[in-house]
Protein backbone atom coordinates (compact mmCIF):
# COMPACT_ATOMS: atom_id res chain seq x y z
CA MET A 1 -2.18 -8.42 -7.03
CA LYS A 2 0.89 -8.99 -4.88
CA THR A 3 2.80 -6.17 -3.31
CA HIS A 4 6.57 -6.03 -3.68
CA LEU A 5 6.89 -6.73 0.03
CA THR A 6 4.90 -9.97 -0.18
CA ASP A 7 6.52 -10.93 -3.48
CA VAL A 8 10.07 -10.67 -2.18
CA GLY A 9 9.20 -12.60 0.98
CA THR A 10 7.51 -15.39 -0.94
CA PHE A 11 10.42 -15.53 -3.38
CA ILE A 12 12.96 -15.76 -0.55
CA ARG A 13 11.00 -18.59 1.09
CA GLU A 14 10.73 -20.45 -2.26
CA GLN A 15 14.47 -20.11 -2.89
CA ARG A 16 15.26 -21.22 0.66
CA GLU A 17 13.05 -24.28 0.28
CA LYS A 18 14.55 -25.12 -3.13
CA SER A 19 17.96 -24.99 -1.50
CA ALA A 20 16.68 -27.32 1.26
CA MET A 21 17.79 -24.74 3.80
CA SER A 22 16.07 -24.21 7.13
CA LEU A 23 14.89 -20.78 8.21
CA ARG A 24 17.44 -20.88 11.03
CA LYS A 25 20.34 -21.76 8.71
CA LEU A 26 19.48 -18.99 6.23
CA ALA A 27 19.10 -16.48 9.05
CA ASP A 28 22.50 -17.50 10.46
CA GLN A 29 24.21 -17.32 7.07
CA ALA A 30 22.61 -13.94 6.29
CA GLY A 31 23.47 -12.57 9.72
CA ILE A 32 19.90 -11.79 10.76
CA SER A 33 17.54 -13.16 13.41
CA ASN A 34 15.13 -16.02 12.77
CA PRO A 35 12.05 -13.92 13.69
CA TYR A 36 13.12 -11.10 11.37
CA LEU A 37 13.64 -13.49 8.45
CA SER A 38 10.28 -15.11 9.17
CA GLN A 39 8.60 -11.69 9.09
CA ILE A 40 10.31 -10.89 5.77
CA GLU A 41 9.13 -14.19 4.27
CA ARG A 42 5.56 -13.50 5.41
CA GLY A 43 5.60 -9.99 3.95
CA LEU A 44 5.39 -8.27 7.33
CA ARG A 45 8.76 -6.48 7.20
CA ARG A 46 10.53 -4.52 4.48
CA PRO A 47 14.19 -5.56 4.36
CA SER A 48 16.86 -3.00 3.58
CA ALA A 49 19.07 -3.29 0.52
CA ASP A 50 21.91 -4.53 2.76
CA ILE A 51 19.73 -7.26 4.26
CA LEU A 52 18.62 -8.32 0.78
CA LYS A 53 22.27 -8.48 -0.26
CA SER A 54 23.07 -10.73 2.72
CA ILE A 55 20.12 -12.99 1.96
CA ALA A 56 21.05 -13.20 -1.73
CA ARG A 57 24.63 -14.13 -0.84
CA ALA A 58 23.42 -16.82 1.59
CA LEU A 59 21.05 -18.25 -1.05
CA SER A 60 23.66 -17.94 -3.85
CA ILE A 61 21.33 -15.90 -6.05
CA SER A 62 21.83 -12.50 -7.64
CA VAL A 63 21.09 -9.53 -5.44
CA GLU A 64 19.47 -7.81 -8.43
CA THR A 65 16.78 -10.48 -8.40
CA LEU A 66 15.85 -9.65 -4.82
CA TYR A 67 16.10 -5.90 -5.44
CA GLU A 68 13.72 -6.25 -8.36
CA ARG A 69 11.27 -8.37 -6.33
CA ALA A 70 11.39 -5.78 -3.54
CA GLY A 71 10.61 -2.96 -5.96
CA LEU A 72 14.01 -1.32 -5.62
CA LEU A 73 14.74 -1.55 -9.37
CA ASP A 74 11.37 -0.42 -10.72
CA GLY A 75 11.87 1.37 -14.00
CA ILE A 76 15.49 0.30 -14.34
CA PRO A 77 16.03 -2.02 -17.30
CA ARG A 78 17.38 -5.43 -16.35
CA SER A 79 19.30 -7.76 -18.58
CA GLY A 80 17.13 -10.34 -20.32
CA VAL A 81 19.99 -12.81 -20.13
CA ILE A 82 20.22 -12.61 -16.35
CA SER A 83 16.44 -12.89 -16.03
CA ALA A 84 16.48 -15.99 -18.23
CA ILE A 85 19.26 -17.57 -16.19
CA GLU A 86 17.42 -16.90 -12.91
CA ALA A 87 14.14 -18.25 -14.30
CA ASP A 88 15.53 -21.49 -15.73
CA PRO A 89 14.35 -24.37 -13.51
CA ALA A 90 16.85 -26.79 -15.09
CA LEU A 91 19.82 -24.94 -13.56
CA THR A 92 21.04 -25.37 -10.01
CA THR A 93 21.68 -22.35 -7.82
CA SER A 94 25.44 -22.66 -8.25
CA GLN A 95 25.08 -23.01 -12.04
CA LYS A 96 22.92 -19.86 -12.12
CA ARG A 97 25.50 -17.96 -10.10
CA ALA A 98 28.36 -19.13 -12.34
CA LEU A 99 26.53 -18.29 -15.57
CA THR A 100 25.53 -14.87 -14.24
CA GLU A 101 29.12 -14.11 -13.22
CA ILE A 102 30.45 -15.21 -16.62
CA TYR A 103 27.85 -13.15 -18.47
CA GLN A 104 28.56 -10.07 -16.35
CA SER A 105 32.30 -10.43 -16.93
CA PHE A 106 31.70 -10.54 -20.69
CA VAL A 107 29.53 -7.43 -20.51
CA ASN A 108 32.10 -5.59 -18.39
CA ASP A 109 34.93 -6.54 -20.80
CA THR A 110 32.87 -5.36 -23.78
CA GLN A 111 32.13 -2.04 -22.08
CA LYS A 112 35.85 -1.56 -21.32
CA GLU A 113 36.76 -2.26 -24.97
CA GLU A 114 34.16 0.21 -26.25
CA SER A 115 35.23 3.01 -23.88
CA PRO A 116 37.64 5.55 -25.40
């Protein structure tokens, strides 16, 4: 059974490789050092929520995905739609980001309309 720490690191490495991004480039774009990112990917370091947010932004994926993988959202329900978008291998990273943003804007608009 994987720990959240290993799971998030493995997931980050997989997303980085799918994006054909080097470790150095991701570290630069996320504003962290190469050794620190390497340790995160190998499950040796626990990144903070801010670091996960920077990595998610650099990889163009939702920060909630990384938070969930890191165990920061345990017990908090997550949208099935967003999970399905993130899991769909037929979508590119930019398509996933666009669909997630559109979906979230619809949800936010619906919540505003339903509020008194």
